[in-house]
Protein backbone atom coordinates (compact mmCIF):
# COMPACT_ATOMS: atom_id res chain seq x y z
CA MET A 1 20.52 -18.31 -4.62
CA ILE A 2 20.21 -16.10 -1.56
CA ALA A 3 17.00 -15.91 0.45
CA GLY A 4 15.86 -13.70 3.30
CA MET A 5 12.54 -13.04 4.95
CA SER A 6 11.08 -10.68 7.53
CA SER A 7 13.78 -8.24 8.67
CA SER A 8 16.76 -10.18 7.29
CA PRO A 9 16.74 -8.22 3.99
CA VAL A 10 18.25 -5.40 6.11
CA LEU A 11 21.41 -7.53 6.34
CA LEU A 12 21.34 -8.11 2.58
CA ALA A 13 21.07 -4.34 2.10
CA LYS A 14 23.95 -3.69 4.50
CA ALA A 15 26.08 -6.07 2.43
CA GLY A 16 25.14 -4.11 -0.72
CA LEU A 17 23.27 -7.04 -2.26
CA LEU A 18 20.07 -5.05 -2.77
CA ASP A 19 21.63 -1.99 -4.43
CA HIS A 20 20.39 -3.12 -7.86
CA THR A 21 17.88 -5.76 -6.77
CA LYS A 22 14.15 -5.54 -6.17
CA PHE A 23 13.15 -6.84 -2.75
CA THR A 24 10.44 -6.93 -0.10
CA ALA A 25 10.71 -7.13 3.67
CA GLY A 26 8.64 -7.22 6.82
CA ILE A 27 10.19 -4.17 8.44
CA PHE A 28 8.71 -0.99 9.86
CA GLU A 29 8.65 2.06 7.58
CA GLU A 30 10.64 3.97 10.18
CA THR A 31 13.52 1.53 9.68
CA TYR A 32 14.19 2.96 6.21
CA ALA A 33 14.77 6.46 7.59
CA LEU A 34 17.04 5.13 10.33
CA ASN A 35 19.07 3.00 7.89
CA PRO A 36 19.74 4.96 4.68
CA PHE A 37 21.78 2.06 3.27
CA ILE A 38 18.51 0.22 2.57
CA PRO A 39 17.65 1.04 -1.08
CA LYS A 40 13.95 1.83 -0.58
CA GLN A 41 13.68 2.70 -4.28
CA ASN A 42 14.02 -1.05 -4.94
CA LEU A 43 11.29 -2.02 -2.46
CA VAL A 44 8.34 -3.86 -4.04
CA ARG A 45 5.30 -4.32 -1.85
CA GLN A 46 4.48 -7.90 -2.74
CA PRO A 47 4.38 -11.02 -0.52
CA VAL A 48 7.47 -12.52 -2.20
CA VAL A 49 9.95 -10.94 -4.61
CA THR A 50 12.56 -12.85 -6.63
CA ASP A 51 15.16 -10.79 -8.48
CA CYS A 52 18.82 -11.29 -9.43
CA GLY A 53 18.95 -14.66 -7.67
CA ILE A 54 17.67 -13.23 -4.39
CA VAL A 55 14.34 -14.28 -2.86
CA THR A 56 12.80 -11.99 -0.22
CA SER A 57 9.54 -12.14 1.66
CA SER A 58 7.59 -10.66 4.50
CA PHE A 59 7.25 -12.85 7.59
CA GLN A 60 3.65 -14.00 7.17
CA PHE A 61 4.24 -15.40 3.68
CA PHE A 62 6.45 -18.30 4.72
CA ARG A 63 4.60 -20.75 2.43
CA GLU A 64 5.03 -18.60 -0.66
CA PHE A 65 8.64 -17.91 0.38
CA ALA A 66 9.38 -21.64 0.62
CA ILE A 67 7.93 -22.29 -2.85
CA ALA A 68 9.91 -19.40 -4.39
CA ALA A 69 13.14 -20.54 -2.70
CA ILE A 70 12.64 -24.13 -3.89
CA ARG A 71 12.04 -22.92 -7.44
CA ALA A 72 15.05 -20.60 -7.28
CA CYS A 73 17.15 -23.69 -6.56
CA GLY A 74 15.88 -25.19 -9.81
CA LEU A 75 13.64 -27.76 -8.17
CA LYS A 76 10.12 -28.46 -9.35
CA ILE A 77 7.21 -27.97 -7.01
CA GLY A 78 3.51 -27.69 -7.77
CA ASP A 79 1.56 -24.49 -7.28
CA GLN A 80 -0.64 -26.20 -4.71
CA ALA A 81 2.21 -27.64 -2.63
CA TYR A 82 1.34 -25.25 0.17
CA ALA A 83 -1.89 -23.36 0.57
CA PRO A 84 -1.30 -19.63 0.06
CA ALA A 85 -2.14 -17.25 2.88
CA ARG A 86 -4.95 -15.66 0.84
CA THR A 87 -6.40 -16.52 -2.57
CA ASP A 88 -9.50 -14.33 -2.90
CA ARG A 89 -7.65 -11.11 -3.83
CA PRO A 90 -4.10 -9.74 -4.11
CA TYR A 91 -2.51 -7.93 -1.20
CA THR A 92 -2.41 -4.14 -1.38
CA ALA A 93 0.70 -2.03 -0.80
CA GLU A 94 -1.04 -0.59 2.27
CA GLU A 95 -1.48 -4.06 3.75
CA LEU A 96 2.23 -4.69 3.22
CA THR A 97 3.38 -1.45 4.87
CA TYR A 98 4.35 -1.77 8.53
CA HIS A 99 4.77 0.96 11.16
CA LEU A 100 6.09 1.02 14.68
CA PRO A 101 3.34 1.24 17.29
CA LYS A 102 2.56 4.76 18.42
CA GLU A 103 3.75 5.54 21.92
CA SER A 104 0.97 6.20 24.39
């Protein structure tokens, strides 16, 4: 099992580990254009993505990331072990898209 959150999936991409693996990350959209080795076609805008033995997450979903990583190791953990960041509705792709601040 490999796990990375926030911007660390960039390192997984650089190593070629995301070439055929769905992932998510907490990186600015502009990062994809600057780093063509990141396979944006495999990007899934979800809080946590587990695929091919790799767990990825955006930075604010550390609870969900921890649960997914524990489960990926084959350990049992209840769904309520950590309170999720939000339970009233799913996150939208727009909410999980990050941009660099505009220069003033």
